[in-house]
Amino acid sequence: MTVLHREEIMGIPFISSSFQETLDELVREIEQGHKFRVITANPEVVMLVKKDEEFKKIIQKADYVTPDGVGILLAGKLLGKPIRERVTGYDLTISLLSIANEKRWRLYLLGAAPEVMEGVNYKIREQYPHIDLQSHHGFFNEDEETSIVEQIKSHRPHLLLVALGMPKQEKWIQKYQNQLPFNLAMGVGGTFDGISGKVKRAPLLWQRLGVEWLYRLLKEPWRWRRMLALPQFVLHVLFSRKR
């Protein structure tokens, strides 16, 4: 399906191409009418895979796994499997929205809190007016889920972006993959929070230094438990290198 180079790190086949090459490939796939899944993975995801066998199978079967985090690049360097460039979920989403606006694609958004989804809808309709947008927030029951699935079937989105948190969003996509008519499906985590303005992204300098995680932790100190995955990831990488 793809001409993009890959490097396997900790059992996960990461794309090792530039951001632009990755974006171009995804757009090409969509325009050719292909159906595929994208997962953006950081060190936290890698550690989660080690504890969740179902999620491990999902991520290993994904069509594209992008390196979302400087930790993945450092791991590749230490293990002699260089990853060329970060391809973050947020940046990928923003670029896809811009292209979707130019090409008048159909977009379906699922997830986040109702007020966040309201903000996302407003921002997208304001900044990308040519996108055919439908959406539903992430607080739904079983009956509503059936209705959501039918709505997505009717909309036939080029892009299906799901923000239910990792790994719930990937499992949700996997559950309905065969039923839903999409081209690209991707779990986007907290991206909707950023688009809506609820969460401010780290300044560009922090992004370039690869310490967005630290900026987020300083702004949201209650996230410290999730950050424990980072030192665990480093230890696993060093152990793998020693072996």
C-alpha atoms as a PDB file:
ATOM      1  CA  MET A   1       0.000   0.000   0.000  1.00  0.00           C
ATOM      2  CA  THR A   2       2.793   2.405   0.822  1.00  0.00           C
ATOM      3  CA  VAL A   3       6.208   3.499  -0.376  1.00  0.00           C
ATOM      4  CA  LEU A   4       7.103   5.059   2.974  1.00  0.00           C
ATOM      5  CA  HIS A   5      10.115   3.688   4.836  1.00  0.00           C
ATOM      6  CA  ARG A   6       9.534   2.013   8.202  1.00  0.00           C
ATOM      7  CA  GLU A   7      11.668   1.152  11.217  1.00  0.00           C
ATOM      8  CA  GLU A   8      10.512  -1.271  13.891  1.00  0.00           C
ATOM      9  CA  ILE A   9      11.011   0.019  17.423  1.00  0.00           C
ATOM     10  CA  MET A  10       9.877  -2.026  20.424  1.00  0.00           C
ATOM     11  CA  GLY A  11       7.778  -4.184  18.119  1.00  0.00           C
ATOM     12  CA  ILE A  12       5.986  -1.256  16.440  1.00  0.00           C
ATOM     13  CA  PRO A  13       6.569  -0.438  12.739  1.00  0.00           C
ATOM     14  CA  PHE A  14       7.031   3.338  12.756  1.00  0.00           C
ATOM     15  CA  ILE A  15       7.084   5.409   9.584  1.00  0.00           C
ATOM     16  CA  SER A  16      10.550   6.880   9.058  1.00  0.00           C
ATOM     17  CA  SER A  17       9.845   9.523   6.437  1.00  0.00           C
ATOM     18  CA  SER A  18       9.444  13.278   6.571  1.00  0.00           C
ATOM     19  CA  PHE A  19       6.199  14.892   7.661  1.00  0.00           C
ATOM     20  CA  GLN A  20       5.504  16.122   4.135  1.00  0.00           C
ATOM     21  CA  GLU A  21       6.206  12.725   2.571  1.00  0.00           C
ATOM     22  CA  THR A  22       3.842  11.112   5.064  1.00  0.00           C
ATOM     23  CA  LEU A  23       1.112  13.684   4.448  1.00  0.00           C
ATOM     24  CA  ASP A  24       1.478  13.356   0.668  1.00  0.00           C
ATOM     25  CA  GLU A  25       1.149   9.587   0.916  1.00  0.00           C
ATOM     26  CA  LEU A  26      -2.002   9.773   3.033  1.00  0.00           C
ATOM     27  CA  VAL A  27      -3.618  12.268   0.649  1.00  0.00           C
ATOM     28  CA  ARG A  28      -2.724  10.068  -2.295  1.00  0.00           C
ATOM     29  CA  GLU A  29      -4.342   7.083  -0.593  1.00  0.00           C
ATOM     30  CA  ILE A  30      -7.529   9.062   0.046  1.00  0.00           C
ATOM     31  CA  GLU A  31      -7.731  10.332  -3.525  1.00  0.00           C
ATOM     32  CA  GLN A  32      -7.317   6.778  -4.811  1.00  0.00           C
ATOM     33  CA  GLY A  33     -10.301   5.733  -2.728  1.00  0.00           C
ATOM     34  CA  HIS A  34      -8.395   3.477  -0.347  1.00  0.00           C
ATOM     35  CA  LYS A  35      -9.532   2.702   3.194  1.00  0.00           C
ATOM     36  CA  PHE A  36      -6.893   2.729   5.912  1.00  0.00           C
ATOM     37  CA  ARG A  37      -6.088   3.429   9.568  1.00  0.00           C
ATOM     38  CA  VAL A  38      -3.486   5.777  11.018  1.00  0.00           C
ATOM     39  CA  ILE A  39      -2.173   5.588  14.583  1.00  0.00           C
ATOM     40  CA  THR A  40       0.067   8.267  16.067  1.00  0.00           C
ATOM     41  CA  ALA A  41       2.239   6.721  18.773  1.00  0.00           C
ATOM     42  CA  ASN A  42       4.433   8.258  21.479  1.00  0.00           C
ATOM     43  CA  PRO A  43       6.419   6.527  24.271  1.00  0.00           C
ATOM     44  CA  GLU A  44       3.277   6.295  26.418  1.00  0.00           C
ATOM     45  CA  VAL A  45       1.586   4.323  23.650  1.00  0.00           C
ATOM     46  CA  VAL A  46       4.573   1.988  23.317  1.00  0.00           C
ATOM     47  CA  MET A  47       4.402   1.169  27.023  1.00  0.00           C
ATOM     48  CA  LEU A  48       0.635   0.695  26.847  1.00  0.00           C
ATOM     49  CA  VAL A  49       1.104  -1.845  24.052  1.00  0.00           C
ATOM     50  CA  LYS A  50       3.192  -3.959  26.428  1.00  0.00           C
ATOM     51  CA  LYS A  51       0.243  -4.226  28.841  1.00  0.00           C
ATOM     52  CA  ASP A  52      -2.649  -4.560  26.390  1.00  0.00           C
ATOM     53  CA  GLU A  53      -2.513  -7.488  23.969  1.00  0.00           C
ATOM     54  CA  GLU A  54      -5.631  -6.368  22.084  1.00  0.00           C
ATOM     55  CA  PHE A  55      -4.171  -2.921  21.515  1.00  0.00           C
ATOM     56  CA  LYS A  56      -0.867  -4.471  20.465  1.00  0.00           C
ATOM     57  CA  LYS A  57      -2.580  -6.399  17.673  1.00  0.00           C
ATOM     58  CA  ILE A  58      -4.470  -3.291  16.562  1.00  0.00           C
ATOM     59  CA  ILE A  59      -1.356  -1.123  16.336  1.00  0.00           C
ATOM     60  CA  GLN A  60       0.693  -3.811  14.575  1.00  0.00           C
ATOM     61  CA  LYS A  61      -2.022  -4.165  11.935  1.00  0.00           C
ATOM     62  CA  ALA A  62      -2.470  -0.420  11.395  1.00  0.00           C
ATOM     63  CA  ASP A  63      -1.641   0.785   7.902  1.00  0.00           C
ATOM     64  CA  TYR A  64       0.429   3.697   9.208  1.00  0.00           C
ATOM     65  CA  VAL A  65       2.013   4.308  12.629  1.00  0.00           C
ATOM     66  CA  THR A  66       3.589   7.733  12.930  1.00  0.00           C
ATOM     67  CA  PRO A  67       6.247   8.798  15.485  1.00  0.00           C
ATOM     68  CA  ASP A  68       4.365  11.233  17.724  1.00  0.00           C
ATOM     69  CA  GLY A  69       7.025  12.240  20.228  1.00  0.00           C
ATOM     70  CA  VAL A  70      10.714  13.075  20.384  1.00  0.00           C
ATOM     71  CA  GLY A  71      11.194   9.992  22.583  1.00  0.00           C
ATOM     72  CA  ILE A  72      10.533   7.766  19.581  1.00  0.00           C
ATOM     73  CA  LEU A  73      13.201   9.593  17.562  1.00  0.00           C
ATOM     74  CA  LEU A  74      15.725   9.229  20.397  1.00  0.00           C
ATOM     75  CA  ALA A  75      14.907   5.544  20.765  1.00  0.00           C
ATOM     76  CA  GLY A  76      15.453   5.023  17.049  1.00  0.00           C
ATOM     77  CA  LYS A  77      18.825   6.729  17.252  1.00  0.00           C
ATOM     78  CA  LEU A  78      19.950   4.649  20.236  1.00  0.00           C
ATOM     79  CA  LEU A  79      18.809   1.407  18.615  1.00  0.00           C
ATOM     80  CA  GLY A  80      20.374   2.159  15.252  1.00  0.00           C
ATOM     81  CA  LYS A  81      16.955   2.496  13.609  1.00  0.00           C
ATOM     82  CA  PRO A  82      16.779   6.186  12.730  1.00  0.00           C
ATOM     83  CA  ILE A  83      13.375   7.843  12.584  1.00  0.00           C
ATOM     84  CA  ARG A  84      13.589  10.790  10.245  1.00  0.00           C
ATOM     85  CA  GLU A  85      11.044  13.225  11.670  1.00  0.00           C
ATOM     86  CA  ARG A  86       8.198  13.587  14.144  1.00  0.00           C
ATOM     87  CA  VAL A  87       4.707  13.281  12.688  1.00  0.00           C
ATOM     88  CA  THR A  88       2.405  14.379  15.478  1.00  0.00           C
ATOM     89  CA  GLY A  89      -1.315  13.770  15.553  1.00  0.00           C
ATOM     90  CA  TYR A  90      -2.089  17.451  16.032  1.00  0.00           C
ATOM     91  CA  ASP A  91       0.045  18.651  13.123  1.00  0.00           C
ATOM     92  CA  LEU A  92      -1.248  15.878  10.889  1.00  0.00           C
ATOM     93  CA  THR A  93      -4.841  16.765  11.735  1.00  0.00           C
ATOM     94  CA  ILE A  94      -4.364  20.474  10.995  1.00  0.00           C
ATOM     95  CA  SER A  95      -2.689  19.705   7.655  1.00  0.00           C
ATOM     96  CA  LEU A  96      -5.434  17.273   6.686  1.00  0.00           C
ATOM     97  CA  LEU A  97      -8.098  19.843   7.566  1.00  0.00           C
ATOM     98  CA  SER A  98      -6.448  22.382   5.277  1.00  0.00           C
ATOM     99  CA  ILE A  99      -6.347  19.898   2.401  1.00  0.00           C
ATOM    100  CA  ALA A 100      -9.894  18.742   3.135  1.00  0.00           C
ATOM    101  CA  ASN A 101     -11.028  22.351   2.819  1.00  0.00           C
ATOM    102  CA  GLU A 102      -9.327  22.729  -0.575  1.00  0.00           C
ATOM    103  CA  LYS A 103     -10.760  19.473  -1.865  1.00  0.00           C
ATOM    104  CA  ARG A 104     -14.176  19.854  -0.206  1.00  0.00           C
ATOM    105  CA  TRP A 105     -13.899  16.528   1.572  1.00  0.00           C
ATOM    106  CA  ARG A 106     -16.399  15.092   4.017  1.00  0.00           C
ATOM    107  CA  LEU A 107     -15.300  14.971   7.647  1.00  0.00           C
ATOM    108  CA  TYR A 108     -16.760  13.231  10.686  1.00  0.00           C
ATOM    109  CA  LEU A 109     -15.560  14.047  14.203  1.00  0.00           C
ATOM    110  CA  LEU A 110     -16.317  11.845  17.194  1.00  0.00           C
ATOM    111  CA  GLY A 111     -15.285  12.363  20.796  1.00  0.00           C
ATOM    112  CA  ALA A 112     -14.372  14.900  23.474  1.00  0.00           C
ATOM    113  CA  ALA A 113     -16.761  16.662  25.852  1.00  0.00           C
ATOM    114  CA  PRO A 114     -19.898  18.306  24.397  1.00  0.00           C
ATOM    115  CA  GLU A 115     -18.592  21.839  24.990  1.00  0.00           C
ATOM    116  CA  VAL A 116     -15.244  20.959  23.381  1.00  0.00           C
ATOM    117  CA  MET A 117     -16.960  19.473  20.333  1.00  0.00           C
ATOM    118  CA  GLU A 118     -19.079  22.605  20.061  1.00  0.00           C
ATOM    119  CA  GLY A 119     -15.906  24.692  20.011  1.00  0.00           C
ATOM    120  CA  VAL A 120     -14.251  22.420  17.444  1.00  0.00           C
ATOM    121  CA  ASN A 121     -17.264  22.636  15.149  1.00  0.00           C
ATOM    122  CA  TYR A 122     -17.220  26.428  15.380  1.00  0.00           C
ATOM    123  CA  LYS A 123     -13.498  26.711  14.639  1.00  0.00           C
ATOM    124  CA  ILE A 124     -13.574  24.288  11.707  1.00  0.00           C
ATOM    125  CA  ARG A 125     -16.623  25.905  10.111  1.00  0.00           C
ATOM    126  CA  GLU A 126     -14.974  29.300  10.540  1.00  0.00           C
ATOM    127  CA  GLN A 127     -11.502  28.377   9.266  1.00  0.00           C
ATOM    128  CA  TYR A 128     -12.365  25.584   6.819  1.00  0.00           C
ATOM    129  CA  PRO A 129     -15.782  26.535   5.407  1.00  0.00           C
ATOM    130  CA  HIS A 130     -15.676  24.140   2.450  1.00  0.00           C
ATOM    131  CA  ILE A 131     -15.461  20.988   4.584  1.00  0.00           C
ATOM    132  CA  ASP A 132     -18.672  18.953   4.742  1.00  0.00           C
ATOM    133  CA  LEU A 133     -18.702  18.423   8.521  1.00  0.00           C
ATOM    134  CA  GLN A 134     -20.728  16.213  10.825  1.00  0.00           C
ATOM    135  CA  SER A 135     -19.876  15.300  14.400  1.00  0.00           C
ATOM    136  CA  HIS A 136     -20.902  13.883  17.765  1.00  0.00           C
ATOM    137  CA  HIS A 137     -19.328  14.362  21.181  1.00  0.00           C
ATOM    138  CA  GLY A 138     -17.811  11.466  23.108  1.00  0.00           C
ATOM    139  CA  PHE A 139     -20.424  11.175  25.857  1.00  0.00           C
ATOM    140  CA  PHE A 140     -22.840   8.696  24.338  1.00  0.00           C
ATOM    141  CA  ASN A 141     -24.710   5.572  25.461  1.00  0.00           C
ATOM    142  CA  GLU A 142     -25.268   2.309  23.595  1.00  0.00           C
ATOM    143  CA  ASP A 143     -28.384   3.509  21.780  1.00  0.00           C
ATOM    144  CA  GLU A 144     -26.683   6.731  20.728  1.00  0.00           C
ATOM    145  CA  GLU A 145     -23.674   4.756  19.524  1.00  0.00           C
ATOM    146  CA  THR A 146     -25.893   2.837  17.108  1.00  0.00           C
ATOM    147  CA  SER A 147     -27.230   6.146  15.817  1.00  0.00           C
ATOM    148  CA  ILE A 148     -23.676   7.514  15.446  1.00  0.00           C
ATOM    149  CA  VAL A 149     -22.637   4.508  13.385  1.00  0.00           C
ATOM    150  CA  GLU A 150     -25.622   4.998  11.085  1.00  0.00           C
ATOM    151  CA  GLN A 151     -24.839   8.698  10.765  1.00  0.00           C
ATOM    152  CA  ILE A 152     -21.255   7.934   9.738  1.00  0.00           C
ATOM    153  CA  LYS A 153     -22.497   5.383   7.219  1.00  0.00           C
ATOM    154  CA  SER A 154     -24.762   7.993   5.693  1.00  0.00           C
ATOM    155  CA  HIS A 155     -22.069  10.696   5.649  1.00  0.00           C
ATOM    156  CA  ARG A 156     -19.347   8.486   4.101  1.00  0.00           C
ATOM    157  CA  PRO A 157     -16.481  10.652   5.372  1.00  0.00           C
ATOM    158  CA  HIS A 158     -13.128  10.961   3.697  1.00  0.00           C
ATOM    159  CA  LEU A 159     -11.743  11.616   7.187  1.00  0.00           C
ATOM    160  CA  LEU A 160     -12.979   9.983  10.395  1.00  0.00           C
ATOM    161  CA  LEU A 161     -11.252  11.504  13.423  1.00  0.00           C
ATOM    162  CA  VAL A 162     -11.970   9.922  16.807  1.00  0.00           C
ATOM    163  CA  ALA A 163     -11.013  11.481  20.146  1.00  0.00           C
ATOM    164  CA  LEU A 164     -11.978   8.999  22.857  1.00  0.00           C
ATOM    165  CA  GLY A 165      -8.545   8.661  24.415  1.00  0.00           C
ATOM    166  CA  MET A 166      -5.900   6.017  23.809  1.00  0.00           C
ATOM    167  CA  PRO A 167      -6.522   3.088  23.365  1.00  0.00           C
ATOM    168  CA  LYS A 168     -10.334   3.396  23.456  1.00  0.00           C
ATOM    169  CA  GLN A 169     -10.419   5.392  20.237  1.00  0.00           C
ATOM    170  CA  GLU A 170      -8.347   2.811  18.339  1.00  0.00           C
ATOM    171  CA  LYS A 171     -10.486  -0.017  19.672  1.00  0.00           C
ATOM    172  CA  TRP A 172     -13.640   1.835  18.628  1.00  0.00           C
ATOM    173  CA  ILE A 173     -12.326   2.273  15.085  1.00  0.00           C
ATOM    174  CA  GLN A 174     -11.303  -1.387  14.966  1.00  0.00           C
ATOM    175  CA  LYS A 175     -14.743  -2.472  16.209  1.00  0.00           C
ATOM    176  CA  TYR A 176     -16.592  -0.696  13.408  1.00  0.00           C
ATOM    177  CA  GLN A 177     -13.951  -0.694  10.690  1.00  0.00           C
ATOM    178  CA  ASN A 178     -15.748  -3.171   8.441  1.00  0.00           C
ATOM    179  CA  GLN A 179     -19.099  -1.404   8.834  1.00  0.00           C
ATOM    180  CA  LEU A 180     -18.029   2.185   8.266  1.00  0.00           C
ATOM    181  CA  PRO A 181     -17.343   3.737   4.832  1.00  0.00           C
ATOM    182  CA  PHE A 182     -14.353   6.007   5.455  1.00  0.00           C
ATOM    183  CA  ASN A 183     -11.041   6.571   3.714  1.00  0.00           C
ATOM    184  CA  LEU A 184      -8.773   7.612   6.584  1.00  0.00           C
ATOM    185  CA  ALA A 185      -9.607   6.821  10.207  1.00  0.00           C
ATOM    186  CA  MET A 186      -7.365   8.129  12.983  1.00  0.00           C
ATOM    187  CA  GLY A 187      -7.498   8.448  16.755  1.00  0.00           C
ATOM    188  CA  VAL A 188      -6.564  12.010  17.676  1.00  0.00           C
ATOM    189  CA  GLY A 189      -6.511  12.022  21.488  1.00  0.00           C
ATOM    190  CA  GLY A 190      -6.505  15.562  22.852  1.00  0.00           C
ATOM    191  CA  THR A 191      -6.317  17.258  19.451  1.00  0.00           C
ATOM    192  CA  PHE A 192      -9.887  18.526  19.715  1.00  0.00           C
ATOM    193  CA  ASP A 193      -8.971  20.268  22.977  1.00  0.00           C
ATOM    194  CA  GLY A 194      -6.255  22.138  21.097  1.00  0.00           C
ATOM    195  CA  ILE A 195      -8.413  23.065  18.114  1.00  0.00           C
ATOM    196  CA  SER A 196     -11.245  24.292  20.330  1.00  0.00           C
ATOM    197  CA  GLY A 197      -8.860  26.436  22.367  1.00  0.00           C
ATOM    198  CA  LYS A 198      -9.519  24.598  25.615  1.00  0.00           C
ATOM    199  CA  VAL A 199      -5.855  23.597  25.823  1.00  0.00           C
ATOM    200  CA  LYS A 200      -3.078  25.857  24.574  1.00  0.00           C
ATOM    201  CA  ARG A 201      -0.339  24.092  22.654  1.00  0.00           C
ATOM    202  CA  ALA A 202       3.264  24.549  23.723  1.00  0.00           C
ATOM    203  CA  PRO A 203       5.119  27.510  22.147  1.00  0.00           C
ATOM    204  CA  LEU A 204       7.063  26.717  18.982  1.00  0.00           C
ATOM    205  CA  LEU A 205      10.430  26.735  20.767  1.00  0.00           C
ATOM    206  CA  TRP A 206       9.232  24.043  23.180  1.00  0.00           C
ATOM    207  CA  GLN A 207       7.978  22.020  20.219  1.00  0.00           C
ATOM    208  CA  ARG A 208      11.312  22.291  18.415  1.00  0.00           C
ATOM    209  CA  LEU A 209      13.187  21.243  21.551  1.00  0.00           C
ATOM    210  CA  GLY A 210      10.903  18.217  21.854  1.00  0.00           C
ATOM    211  CA  VAL A 211       9.668  19.078  25.343  1.00  0.00           C
ATOM    212  CA  GLU A 212       5.978  19.662  24.696  1.00  0.00           C
ATOM    213  CA  TRP A 213       5.305  16.961  27.299  1.00  0.00           C
ATOM    214  CA  LEU A 214       7.049  19.088  29.939  1.00  0.00           C
ATOM    215  CA  TYR A 215       5.050  22.176  28.978  1.00  0.00           C
ATOM    216  CA  ARG A 216       1.826  20.159  29.249  1.00  0.00           C
ATOM    217  CA  LEU A 217       2.882  18.780  32.628  1.00  0.00           C
ATOM    218  CA  LEU A 218       3.641  22.259  33.972  1.00  0.00           C
ATOM    219  CA  LYS A 219       0.227  23.451  32.803  1.00  0.00           C
ATOM    220  CA  GLU A 220      -1.592  20.310  33.966  1.00  0.00           C
ATOM    221  CA  PRO A 221       0.373  18.813  36.889  1.00  0.00           C
ATOM    222  CA  TRP A 222      -2.349  16.224  37.535  1.00  0.00           C
ATOM    223  CA  ARG A 223      -1.049  14.401  34.445  1.00  0.00           C
ATOM    224  CA  TRP A 224       2.063  13.268  36.335  1.00  0.00           C
ATOM    225  CA  ARG A 225       0.919   9.646  36.586  1.00  0.00           C
ATOM    226  CA  ARG A 226       0.752   9.367  32.805  1.00  0.00           C
ATOM    227  CA  MET A 227       4.275  10.783  32.575  1.00  0.00           C
ATOM    228  CA  LEU A 228       5.622   7.809  34.508  1.00  0.00           C
ATOM    229  CA  ALA A 229       5.565   5.931  31.204  1.00  0.00           C
ATOM    230  CA  LEU A 230       8.481   8.085  29.982  1.00  0.00           C
ATOM    231  CA  PRO A 231      11.207   6.808  32.351  1.00  0.00           C
ATOM    232  CA  GLN A 232       9.866   3.274  31.882  1.00  0.00           C
ATOM    233  CA  PHE A 233      10.200   3.709  28.128  1.00  0.00           C
ATOM    234  CA  VAL A 234      13.789   4.946  28.478  1.00  0.00           C
ATOM    235  CA  LEU A 235      14.713   1.900  30.558  1.00  0.00           C
ATOM    236  CA  HIS A 236      13.180  -0.456  27.999  1.00  0.00           C
ATOM    237  CA  VAL A 237      15.077   1.244  25.186  1.00  0.00           C
ATOM    238  CA  LEU A 238      18.385   1.053  27.056  1.00  0.00           C
ATOM    239  CA  PHE A 239      17.771  -2.609  27.862  1.00  0.00           C
ATOM    240  CA  SER A 240      16.976  -3.337  24.214  1.00  0.00           C
ATOM    241  CA  ARG A 241      20.152  -1.562  23.151  1.00  0.00           C
ATOM    242  CA  LYS A 242      22.227  -3.584  25.618  1.00  0.00           C
ATOM    243  CA  ARG A 243      20.771  -6.823  24.265  1.00  0.00           C
END
